[in-house]
Amino acid sequence: MGIIGNLSSDQLDFFHTQGFLVLESFASDDEIGCLRKRIDELLDGFDGSSSVIFSTKNHSHAKDNYFYDSAENISFFFEEKAFDDEGKLKQPKKLSINKVGHALHEHDPTFKKFSCSEKMSSLLSSLGYKRPVVIQSMYIFKQPGIGGEVVPHQDNSFLYTEPTTCTGLWLALEDATIDNGCLWAISGSHKKGLVRRFVRGDDGVYFDRPSPSYEPKDFVPIEVKSGSLVVIHGDLIHQSFENQSSTSRHAYSWHIVDTDGCKWAVDNWIQRKQQPEPLYCL
């Protein structure tokens, strides 16, 4: 299969130097509209029977089979601050969901079409992928006023292959600003390698070592317009802050690993019953 990469040498140089790359207008208004319309339909069909909260601070969600099963399903996770002291939602359901994941790309035709498009294959070919698969996908809402913080992390910690091959793809479905919780990253931090892993054992999931301390001044904001794609190296340290503004910050995020010449770690949190289909094979 012949695939022509769509990144220039300057773009590749920037990505390898900084650890991330912004591709403006990667998604059209029509594509954004389709993704947002489809997630509204999925939310309409969610009865709210699950009340699993997603948090990167204490990872309480990761103690639940609902979380494990989400690796091959379309599952719904609430914001930490969505409930009152009696466990009731403080705002409508659509304004209470943290994210939907982790197999939108696999089970929903609209998200699959975008995640596995020709322009995606061209991008991944530019990055050197030989037999890439989408290993997880998430629609992230970053709700106004309660959109939770995502603490500093590396994607390779959660989606580990030997050797490491993860790349994060983060599509802004609304303008992402400092006010509403845009991404922040330590430029060049990917060059220092993987800091720690998030592993799954007999007693659940855990990090294999404590998180280092990071200086806030080392992070730079990645403010982008709706339709922009942020390509994130798997070892890049990045985060986002709580959304305390009155506007949401919707994004679609999916992660790629290679399956050519590398091995999926058996102690990753994702332990699939069926192997994912590659986007292409070179």
C-alpha atoms as a PDB file:
ATOM      1  CA  MET A   1       0.000   0.000   0.000  1.00  0.00           C
ATOM      2  CA  GLY A   2       1.532   3.298  -1.066  1.00  0.00           C
ATOM      3  CA  ILE A   3       1.022   6.130   1.435  1.00  0.00           C
ATOM      4  CA  ILE A   4       2.559   9.570   0.993  1.00  0.00           C
ATOM      5  CA  GLY A   5       3.351  11.448   4.200  1.00  0.00           C
ATOM      6  CA  ASN A   6       1.775  14.882   4.557  1.00  0.00           C
ATOM      7  CA  LEU A   7       4.242  16.536   6.953  1.00  0.00           C
ATOM      8  CA  SER A   8       7.010  18.825   5.725  1.00  0.00           C
ATOM      9  CA  SER A   9      10.609  18.529   6.895  1.00  0.00           C
ATOM     10  CA  ASP A  10      10.161  21.715   8.951  1.00  0.00           C
ATOM     11  CA  GLN A  11       7.102  20.275  10.668  1.00  0.00           C
ATOM     12  CA  LEU A  12       8.916  17.034  11.442  1.00  0.00           C
ATOM     13  CA  ASP A  13      11.911  18.961  12.787  1.00  0.00           C
ATOM     14  CA  PHE A  14       9.635  20.969  15.067  1.00  0.00           C
ATOM     15  CA  PHE A  15       7.885  17.824  16.319  1.00  0.00           C
ATOM     16  CA  HIS A  16      11.143  16.003  17.066  1.00  0.00           C
ATOM     17  CA  THR A  17      12.607  19.096  18.759  1.00  0.00           C
ATOM     18  CA  GLN A  18       9.618  20.286  20.786  1.00  0.00           C
ATOM     19  CA  GLY A  19       7.721  17.007  21.266  1.00  0.00           C
ATOM     20  CA  PHE A  20       4.482  18.337  19.824  1.00  0.00           C
ATOM     21  CA  LEU A  21       3.145  19.870  16.630  1.00  0.00           C
ATOM     22  CA  VAL A  22       0.039  21.943  15.876  1.00  0.00           C
ATOM     23  CA  LEU A  23      -1.664  21.361  12.538  1.00  0.00           C
ATOM     24  CA  GLU A  24      -4.159  24.175  12.022  1.00  0.00           C
ATOM     25  CA  SER A  25      -7.428  23.516  10.150  1.00  0.00           C
ATOM     26  CA  PHE A  26      -6.799  19.770  10.205  1.00  0.00           C
ATOM     27  CA  ALA A  27     -10.546  19.146  10.538  1.00  0.00           C
ATOM     28  CA  SER A  28     -13.145  20.994   8.487  1.00  0.00           C
ATOM     29  CA  ASP A  29     -16.205  22.678   9.967  1.00  0.00           C
ATOM     30  CA  ASP A  30     -18.316  19.864   8.537  1.00  0.00           C
ATOM     31  CA  GLU A  31     -16.162  17.200  10.209  1.00  0.00           C
ATOM     32  CA  ILE A  32     -16.304  19.031  13.526  1.00  0.00           C
ATOM     33  CA  GLY A  33     -20.065  19.374  13.220  1.00  0.00           C
ATOM     34  CA  CYS A  34     -20.475  15.664  12.514  1.00  0.00           C
ATOM     35  CA  LEU A  35     -18.404  14.636  15.543  1.00  0.00           C
ATOM     36  CA  ARG A  36     -20.234  17.020  17.866  1.00  0.00           C
ATOM     37  CA  LYS A  37     -23.658  16.021  16.556  1.00  0.00           C
ATOM     38  CA  ARG A  38     -22.838  12.352  16.996  1.00  0.00           C
ATOM     39  CA  ILE A  39     -21.624  12.764  20.579  1.00  0.00           C
ATOM     40  CA  ASP A  40     -24.890  14.592  21.388  1.00  0.00           C
ATOM     41  CA  GLU A  41     -26.794  11.608  20.020  1.00  0.00           C
ATOM     42  CA  LEU A  42     -24.727   9.211  22.119  1.00  0.00           C
ATOM     43  CA  LEU A  43     -25.349  11.319  25.225  1.00  0.00           C
ATOM     44  CA  ASP A  44     -29.082  11.357  24.510  1.00  0.00           C
ATOM     45  CA  GLY A  45     -28.983   7.563  24.491  1.00  0.00           C
ATOM     46  CA  PHE A  46     -27.042   7.304  27.770  1.00  0.00           C
ATOM     47  CA  ASP A  47     -29.441   6.663  30.638  1.00  0.00           C
ATOM     48  CA  GLY A  48     -26.998   7.751  33.344  1.00  0.00           C
ATOM     49  CA  SER A  49     -27.081   4.339  35.015  1.00  0.00           C
ATOM     50  CA  SER A  50     -23.311   4.421  35.455  1.00  0.00           C
ATOM     51  CA  SER A  51     -21.990   7.110  37.775  1.00  0.00           C
ATOM     52  CA  VAL A  52     -18.266   6.410  37.465  1.00  0.00           C
ATOM     53  CA  ILE A  53     -16.224   9.574  38.028  1.00  0.00           C
ATOM     54  CA  PHE A  54     -13.053  10.162  36.026  1.00  0.00           C
ATOM     55  CA  SER A  55     -10.133  11.714  37.898  1.00  0.00           C
ATOM     56  CA  THR A  56      -6.434  11.880  37.072  1.00  0.00           C
ATOM     57  CA  LYS A  57      -5.689  12.874  40.663  1.00  0.00           C
ATOM     58  CA  ASN A  58      -6.760   9.724  42.514  1.00  0.00           C
ATOM     59  CA  HIS A  59      -7.675   7.392  39.620  1.00  0.00           C
ATOM     60  CA  SER A  60     -10.712   6.156  41.559  1.00  0.00           C
ATOM     61  CA  HIS A  61     -12.329   5.214  38.238  1.00  0.00           C
ATOM     62  CA  ALA A  62      -9.563   2.693  37.617  1.00  0.00           C
ATOM     63  CA  LYS A  63     -10.826   0.437  40.410  1.00  0.00           C
ATOM     64  CA  ASP A  64     -14.032  -0.329  38.541  1.00  0.00           C
ATOM     65  CA  ASN A  65     -14.697  -3.032  35.940  1.00  0.00           C
ATOM     66  CA  TYR A  66     -16.676  -0.430  34.017  1.00  0.00           C
ATOM     67  CA  PHE A  67     -13.364   1.356  33.396  1.00  0.00           C
ATOM     68  CA  TYR A  68     -11.528  -1.801  32.328  1.00  0.00           C
ATOM     69  CA  ASP A  69     -14.357  -2.809  29.987  1.00  0.00           C
ATOM     70  CA  SER A  70     -14.370   0.652  28.410  1.00  0.00           C
ATOM     71  CA  ALA A  71     -11.227  -0.310  26.489  1.00  0.00           C
ATOM     72  CA  GLU A  72     -13.489  -2.079  23.989  1.00  0.00           C
ATOM     73  CA  ASN A  73     -16.728  -0.152  24.558  1.00  0.00           C
ATOM     74  CA  ILE A  74     -18.265   3.297  24.408  1.00  0.00           C
ATOM     75  CA  SER A  75     -18.485   4.275  28.078  1.00  0.00           C
ATOM     76  CA  PHE A  76     -19.404   7.456  29.944  1.00  0.00           C
ATOM     77  CA  PHE A  77     -17.485   9.054  32.810  1.00  0.00           C
ATOM     78  CA  PHE A  78     -18.638  11.961  34.984  1.00  0.00           C
ATOM     79  CA  GLU A  79     -16.783  15.005  36.262  1.00  0.00           C
ATOM     80  CA  GLU A  80     -15.642  14.968  39.903  1.00  0.00           C
ATOM     81  CA  LYS A  81     -17.658  18.085  40.703  1.00  0.00           C
ATOM     82  CA  ALA A  82     -20.821  17.001  38.895  1.00  0.00           C
ATOM     83  CA  PHE A  83     -22.550  15.622  42.012  1.00  0.00           C
ATOM     84  CA  ASP A  84     -23.794  17.208  45.215  1.00  0.00           C
ATOM     85  CA  ASP A  85     -23.305  15.777  48.705  1.00  0.00           C
ATOM     86  CA  GLU A  86     -26.285  13.488  48.224  1.00  0.00           C
ATOM     87  CA  GLY A  87     -24.881  12.047  45.008  1.00  0.00           C
ATOM     88  CA  LYS A  88     -27.297  13.872  42.707  1.00  0.00           C
ATOM     89  CA  LEU A  89     -26.238  15.765  39.601  1.00  0.00           C
ATOM     90  CA  LYS A  90     -25.950  19.516  40.126  1.00  0.00           C
ATOM     91  CA  GLN A  91     -26.509  20.313  36.453  1.00  0.00           C
ATOM     92  CA  PRO A  92     -27.947  18.569  33.369  1.00  0.00           C
ATOM     93  CA  LYS A  93     -26.356  15.292  32.273  1.00  0.00           C
ATOM     94  CA  LYS A  94     -24.812  16.850  29.158  1.00  0.00           C
ATOM     95  CA  LEU A  95     -22.966  19.359  31.340  1.00  0.00           C
ATOM     96  CA  SER A  96     -21.797  16.700  33.807  1.00  0.00           C
ATOM     97  CA  ILE A  97     -19.874  14.235  31.646  1.00  0.00           C
ATOM     98  CA  ASN A  98     -16.073  14.362  31.758  1.00  0.00           C
ATOM     99  CA  LYS A  99     -15.468  12.114  28.760  1.00  0.00           C
ATOM    100  CA  VAL A 100     -16.745   9.275  26.598  1.00  0.00           C
ATOM    101  CA  GLY A 101     -14.304   6.458  25.789  1.00  0.00           C
ATOM    102  CA  HIS A 102     -12.356   4.429  25.020  1.00  0.00           C
ATOM    103  CA  ALA A 103     -13.442   2.745  21.755  1.00  0.00           C
ATOM    104  CA  LEU A 104     -15.394   5.391  19.865  1.00  0.00           C
ATOM    105  CA  HIS A 105     -13.068   4.824  16.911  1.00  0.00           C
ATOM    106  CA  GLU A 106     -14.024   1.156  16.847  1.00  0.00           C
ATOM    107  CA  HIS A 107     -17.763   1.044  17.487  1.00  0.00           C
ATOM    108  CA  ASP A 108     -19.101   4.309  16.128  1.00  0.00           C
ATOM    109  CA  PRO A 109     -19.043   4.844  12.328  1.00  0.00           C
ATOM    110  CA  THR A 110     -18.714   8.641  12.555  1.00  0.00           C
ATOM    111  CA  PHE A 111     -15.680   8.546  14.829  1.00  0.00           C
ATOM    112  CA  LYS A 112     -14.190   5.572  12.990  1.00  0.00           C
ATOM    113  CA  LYS A 113     -14.401   7.389   9.664  1.00  0.00           C
ATOM    114  CA  PHE A 114     -12.493  10.377  11.028  1.00  0.00           C
ATOM    115  CA  SER A 115      -9.964   8.400  13.095  1.00  0.00           C
ATOM    116  CA  CYS A 116      -9.031   6.114  10.210  1.00  0.00           C
ATOM    117  CA  SER A 117      -9.142   8.614   7.344  1.00  0.00           C
ATOM    118  CA  GLU A 118      -6.582   8.903   4.552  1.00  0.00           C
ATOM    119  CA  LYS A 119      -5.160  12.095   6.022  1.00  0.00           C
ATOM    120  CA  MET A 120      -4.592  10.224   9.289  1.00  0.00           C
ATOM    121  CA  SER A 121      -2.707   7.481   7.453  1.00  0.00           C
ATOM    122  CA  SER A 122      -0.601  10.127   5.679  1.00  0.00           C
ATOM    123  CA  LEU A 123       0.217  11.802   8.988  1.00  0.00           C
ATOM    124  CA  LEU A 124       1.222   8.518  10.616  1.00  0.00           C
ATOM    125  CA  SER A 125       3.315   7.556   7.607  1.00  0.00           C
ATOM    126  CA  SER A 126       5.202  10.839   8.002  1.00  0.00           C
ATOM    127  CA  LEU A 127       5.910   9.880  11.617  1.00  0.00           C
ATOM    128  CA  GLY A 128       7.346   6.533  10.558  1.00  0.00           C
ATOM    129  CA  TYR A 129       4.542   4.134  11.505  1.00  0.00           C
ATOM    130  CA  LYS A 130       4.577   0.809   9.664  1.00  0.00           C
ATOM    131  CA  ARG A 131       1.471  -0.950  11.027  1.00  0.00           C
ATOM    132  CA  PRO A 132      -0.346   1.558  13.246  1.00  0.00           C
ATOM    133  CA  VAL A 133      -3.467   0.885  15.280  1.00  0.00           C
ATOM    134  CA  VAL A 134      -5.745   3.215  17.218  1.00  0.00           C
ATOM    135  CA  ILE A 135      -5.492   1.822  20.730  1.00  0.00           C
ATOM    136  CA  GLN A 136      -7.940   4.172  22.462  1.00  0.00           C
ATOM    137  CA  SER A 137     -10.134   7.197  21.782  1.00  0.00           C
ATOM    138  CA  MET A 138     -11.945   9.728  23.943  1.00  0.00           C
ATOM    139  CA  TYR A 139     -14.339  12.622  23.523  1.00  0.00           C
ATOM    140  CA  ILE A 140     -13.375  15.119  26.242  1.00  0.00           C
ATOM    141  CA  PHE A 141     -15.844  17.824  27.278  1.00  0.00           C
ATOM    142  CA  LYS A 142     -13.899  19.996  29.755  1.00  0.00           C
ATOM    143  CA  GLN A 143     -17.214  21.289  31.053  1.00  0.00           C
ATOM    144  CA  PRO A 144     -17.623  24.989  31.955  1.00  0.00           C
ATOM    145  CA  GLY A 145     -16.961  25.634  35.625  1.00  0.00           C
ATOM    146  CA  ILE A 146     -16.273  21.997  36.568  1.00  0.00           C
ATOM    147  CA  GLY A 147     -14.033  20.597  33.806  1.00  0.00           C
ATOM    148  CA  GLY A 148     -11.427  18.666  35.766  1.00  0.00           C
ATOM    149  CA  GLU A 149      -7.668  19.139  35.841  1.00  0.00           C
ATOM    150  CA  VAL A 150      -5.487  16.615  34.017  1.00  0.00           C
ATOM    151  CA  VAL A 151      -2.223  16.338  35.938  1.00  0.00           C
ATOM    152  CA  PRO A 152       1.200  16.231  34.228  1.00  0.00           C
ATOM    153  CA  HIS A 153       1.719  12.911  32.462  1.00  0.00           C
ATOM    154  CA  GLN A 154       3.204  11.077  29.484  1.00  0.00           C
ATOM    155  CA  ASP A 155       1.009   9.012  27.172  1.00  0.00           C
ATOM    156  CA  ASN A 156       3.588   6.221  26.992  1.00  0.00           C
ATOM    157  CA  SER A 157       3.013   5.647  30.708  1.00  0.00           C
ATOM    158  CA  PHE A 158      -0.472   4.320  29.975  1.00  0.00           C
ATOM    159  CA  LEU A 159      -0.016   2.825  26.498  1.00  0.00           C
ATOM    160  CA  TYR A 160       3.371   1.167  26.650  1.00  0.00           C
ATOM    161  CA  THR A 161       5.013  -0.817  23.881  1.00  0.00           C
ATOM    162  CA  GLU A 162       8.547  -2.182  23.680  1.00  0.00           C
ATOM    163  CA  PRO A 163      10.067  -0.100  22.163  1.00  0.00           C
ATOM    164  CA  THR A 164       7.780   2.843  22.921  1.00  0.00           C
ATOM    165  CA  THR A 165       5.640   3.968  19.958  1.00  0.00           C
ATOM    166  CA  CYS A 166       2.668   5.932  21.305  1.00  0.00           C
ATOM    167  CA  THR A 167       1.614   9.204  19.703  1.00  0.00           C
ATOM    168  CA  GLY A 168      -1.301  11.231  21.044  1.00  0.00           C
ATOM    169  CA  LEU A 169      -3.653  13.050  18.661  1.00  0.00           C
ATOM    170  CA  TRP A 170      -5.750  15.833  20.177  1.00  0.00           C
ATOM    171  CA  LEU A 171      -8.320  17.569  17.994  1.00  0.00           C
ATOM    172  CA  ALA A 172      -9.822  20.842  19.210  1.00  0.00           C
ATOM    173  CA  LEU A 173     -13.571  20.858  18.565  1.00  0.00           C
ATOM    174  CA  GLU A 174     -13.812  24.321  20.119  1.00  0.00           C
ATOM    175  CA  ASP A 175     -11.202  27.028  20.584  1.00  0.00           C
ATOM    176  CA  ALA A 176      -8.858  25.943  23.388  1.00  0.00           C
ATOM    177  CA  THR A 177      -7.566  28.849  25.475  1.00  0.00           C
ATOM    178  CA  ILE A 178      -5.798  29.400  28.776  1.00  0.00           C
ATOM    179  CA  ASP A 179      -9.170  30.411  30.245  1.00  0.00           C
ATOM    180  CA  ASN A 180     -11.065  27.240  29.338  1.00  0.00           C
ATOM    181  CA  GLY A 181      -8.324  24.688  29.983  1.00  0.00           C
ATOM    182  CA  CYS A 182      -6.043  24.321  26.960  1.00  0.00           C
ATOM    183  CA  LEU A 183      -3.123  21.912  26.891  1.00  0.00           C
ATOM    184  CA  TRP A 184       0.195  22.873  28.470  1.00  0.00           C
ATOM    185  CA  ALA A 185       3.495  21.113  27.794  1.00  0.00           C
ATOM    186  CA  ILE A 186       7.171  21.150  28.719  1.00  0.00           C
ATOM    187  CA  SER A 187       8.781  21.648  25.326  1.00  0.00           C
ATOM    188  CA  GLY A 188      11.510  19.124  24.619  1.00  0.00           C
ATOM    189  CA  SER A 189      10.721  17.025  27.697  1.00  0.00           C
ATOM    190  CA  HIS A 190      10.218  13.935  25.513  1.00  0.00           C
ATOM    191  CA  LYS A 191      13.985  13.782  24.992  1.00  0.00           C
ATOM    192  CA  LYS A 192      14.468  12.714  28.626  1.00  0.00           C
ATOM    193  CA  GLY A 193      12.498   9.523  28.111  1.00  0.00           C
ATOM    194  CA  LEU A 194       9.735   7.797  30.025  1.00  0.00           C
ATOM    195  CA  VAL A 195       9.484   8.687  33.712  1.00  0.00           C
ATOM    196  CA  ARG A 196       7.111   5.998  35.014  1.00  0.00           C
ATOM    197  CA  ARG A 197       4.471   3.487  33.952  1.00  0.00           C
ATOM    198  CA  PHE A 198       0.817   2.948  34.825  1.00  0.00           C
ATOM    199  CA  VAL A 199       0.497  -0.824  35.159  1.00  0.00           C
ATOM    200  CA  ARG A 200      -2.280  -3.316  35.811  1.00  0.00           C
ATOM    201  CA  GLY A 201      -1.713  -6.094  38.290  1.00  0.00           C
ATOM    202  CA  ASP A 202      -3.756  -8.593  40.267  1.00  0.00           C
ATOM    203  CA  ASP A 203      -4.837  -5.895  42.723  1.00  0.00           C
ATOM    204  CA  GLY A 204      -5.742  -3.226  40.175  1.00  0.00           C
ATOM    205  CA  VAL A 205      -3.792  -0.456  38.472  1.00  0.00           C
ATOM    206  CA  TYR A 206      -1.038   1.727  39.870  1.00  0.00           C
ATOM    207  CA  PHE A 207       2.009   3.789  38.936  1.00  0.00           C
ATOM    208  CA  ASP A 208       5.283   1.927  39.346  1.00  0.00           C
ATOM    209  CA  ARG A 209       6.942   4.971  40.927  1.00  0.00           C
ATOM    210  CA  PRO A 210       6.010   8.426  42.272  1.00  0.00           C
ATOM    211  CA  SER A 211       5.589  11.366  39.951  1.00  0.00           C
ATOM    212  CA  PRO A 212       8.488  13.809  39.743  1.00  0.00           C
ATOM    213  CA  SER A 213       7.901  17.428  40.691  1.00  0.00           C
ATOM    214  CA  TYR A 214       7.555  19.867  37.812  1.00  0.00           C
ATOM    215  CA  GLU A 215       8.156  23.605  37.768  1.00  0.00           C
ATOM    216  CA  PRO A 216       5.052  25.490  36.569  1.00  0.00           C
ATOM    217  CA  LYS A 217       7.285  27.982  34.752  1.00  0.00           C
ATOM    218  CA  ASP A 218       8.560  25.194  32.486  1.00  0.00           C
ATOM    219  CA  PHE A 219       5.148  24.612  30.893  1.00  0.00           C
ATOM    220  CA  VAL A 220       4.008  26.522  27.815  1.00  0.00           C
ATOM    221  CA  PRO A 221       0.333  26.874  26.830  1.00  0.00           C
ATOM    222  CA  ILE A 222      -0.837  25.342  23.558  1.00  0.00           C
ATOM    223  CA  GLU A 223      -3.754  27.586  22.633  1.00  0.00           C
ATOM    224  CA  VAL A 224      -5.389  26.467  19.393  1.00  0.00           C
ATOM    225  CA  LYS A 225      -8.398  27.230  17.242  1.00  0.00           C
ATOM    226  CA  SER A 226     -11.224  24.792  16.643  1.00  0.00           C
ATOM    227  CA  GLY A 227     -10.202  22.290  13.970  1.00  0.00           C
ATOM    228  CA  SER A 228      -6.537  22.272  14.963  1.00  0.00           C
ATOM    229  CA  LEU A 229      -4.828  18.955  15.652  1.00  0.00           C
ATOM    230  CA  VAL A 230      -2.115  18.726  18.302  1.00  0.00           C
ATOM    231  CA  VAL A 231       0.276  15.829  17.678  1.00  0.00           C
ATOM    232  CA  ILE A 232       1.880  14.737  20.956  1.00  0.00           C
ATOM    233  CA  HIS A 233       5.003  12.602  21.381  1.00  0.00           C
ATOM    234  CA  GLY A 234       4.390   9.729  23.774  1.00  0.00           C
ATOM    235  CA  ASP A 235       7.101  10.919  26.180  1.00  0.00           C
ATOM    236  CA  LEU A 236       6.079  14.601  26.229  1.00  0.00           C
ATOM    237  CA  ILE A 237       5.121  15.912  29.679  1.00  0.00           C
ATOM    238  CA  HIS A 238       1.758  17.664  29.278  1.00  0.00           C
ATOM    239  CA  GLN A 239      -1.269  18.642  31.319  1.00  0.00           C
ATOM    240  CA  SER A 240      -4.375  20.825  31.398  1.00  0.00           C
ATOM    241  CA  PHE A 241      -5.895  22.850  34.197  1.00  0.00           C
ATOM    242  CA  GLU A 242      -9.441  22.909  35.518  1.00  0.00           C
ATOM    243  CA  ASN A 243     -11.876  24.837  33.358  1.00  0.00           C
ATOM    244  CA  GLN A 244     -13.153  27.631  35.593  1.00  0.00           C
ATOM    245  CA  SER A 245     -14.584  29.628  32.698  1.00  0.00           C
ATOM    246  CA  SER A 246     -18.157  29.791  31.438  1.00  0.00           C
ATOM    247  CA  THR A 247     -17.306  28.095  28.120  1.00  0.00           C
ATOM    248  CA  SER A 248     -16.642  24.425  27.396  1.00  0.00           C
ATOM    249  CA  ARG A 249     -13.540  23.081  25.648  1.00  0.00           C
ATOM    250  CA  HIS A 250     -14.594  20.027  23.644  1.00  0.00           C
ATOM    251  CA  ALA A 251     -11.851  17.871  22.118  1.00  0.00           C
ATOM    252  CA  TYR A 252     -11.505  14.471  20.480  1.00  0.00           C
ATOM    253  CA  SER A 253      -8.380  12.593  21.500  1.00  0.00           C
ATOM    254  CA  TRP A 254      -7.091   9.291  20.189  1.00  0.00           C
ATOM    255  CA  HIS A 255      -3.819   7.424  20.558  1.00  0.00           C
ATOM    256  CA  ILE A 256      -1.740   5.443  18.104  1.00  0.00           C
ATOM    257  CA  VAL A 257       0.781   2.659  18.706  1.00  0.00           C
ATOM    258  CA  ASP A 258       2.712   0.625  16.158  1.00  0.00           C
ATOM    259  CA  THR A 259       2.407  -3.148  15.903  1.00  0.00           C
ATOM    260  CA  ASP A 260       5.375  -3.700  13.607  1.00  0.00           C
ATOM    261  CA  GLY A 261       8.604  -4.592  15.375  1.00  0.00           C
ATOM    262  CA  CYS A 262       7.258  -3.837  18.850  1.00  0.00           C
ATOM    263  CA  LYS A 263       5.293  -5.553  21.592  1.00  0.00           C
ATOM    264  CA  TRP A 264       2.214  -4.400  23.530  1.00  0.00           C
ATOM    265  CA  ALA A 265       2.972  -4.687  27.254  1.00  0.00           C
ATOM    266  CA  VAL A 266       0.854  -7.364  28.943  1.00  0.00           C
ATOM    267  CA  ASP A 267       0.570  -5.232  32.100  1.00  0.00           C
ATOM    268  CA  ASN A 268      -0.954  -2.185  30.376  1.00  0.00           C
ATOM    269  CA  TRP A 269      -4.359  -1.178  31.724  1.00  0.00           C
ATOM    270  CA  ILE A 270      -5.851  -1.990  28.320  1.00  0.00           C
ATOM    271  CA  GLN A 271      -6.030  -5.766  27.981  1.00  0.00           C
ATOM    272  CA  ARG A 272      -8.090  -6.404  24.878  1.00  0.00           C
ATOM    273  CA  LYS A 273      -9.962  -9.577  24.024  1.00  0.00           C
ATOM    274  CA  GLN A 274      -9.636  -8.795  20.304  1.00  0.00           C
ATOM    275  CA  GLN A 275      -6.661  -7.157  18.648  1.00  0.00           C
ATOM    276  CA  PRO A 276      -7.373  -3.868  16.864  1.00  0.00           C
ATOM    277  CA  GLU A 277      -7.270  -3.645  13.081  1.00  0.00           C
ATOM    278  CA  PRO A 278      -4.296  -1.685  11.658  1.00  0.00           C
ATOM    279  CA  LEU A 279      -4.948   1.474   9.672  1.00  0.00           C
ATOM    280  CA  TYR A 280      -2.500   0.212   7.056  1.00  0.00           C
ATOM    281  CA  CYS A 281       0.444  -2.155   6.640  1.00  0.00           C
ATOM    282  CA  LEU A 282       3.717  -1.167   4.967  1.00  0.00           C
END
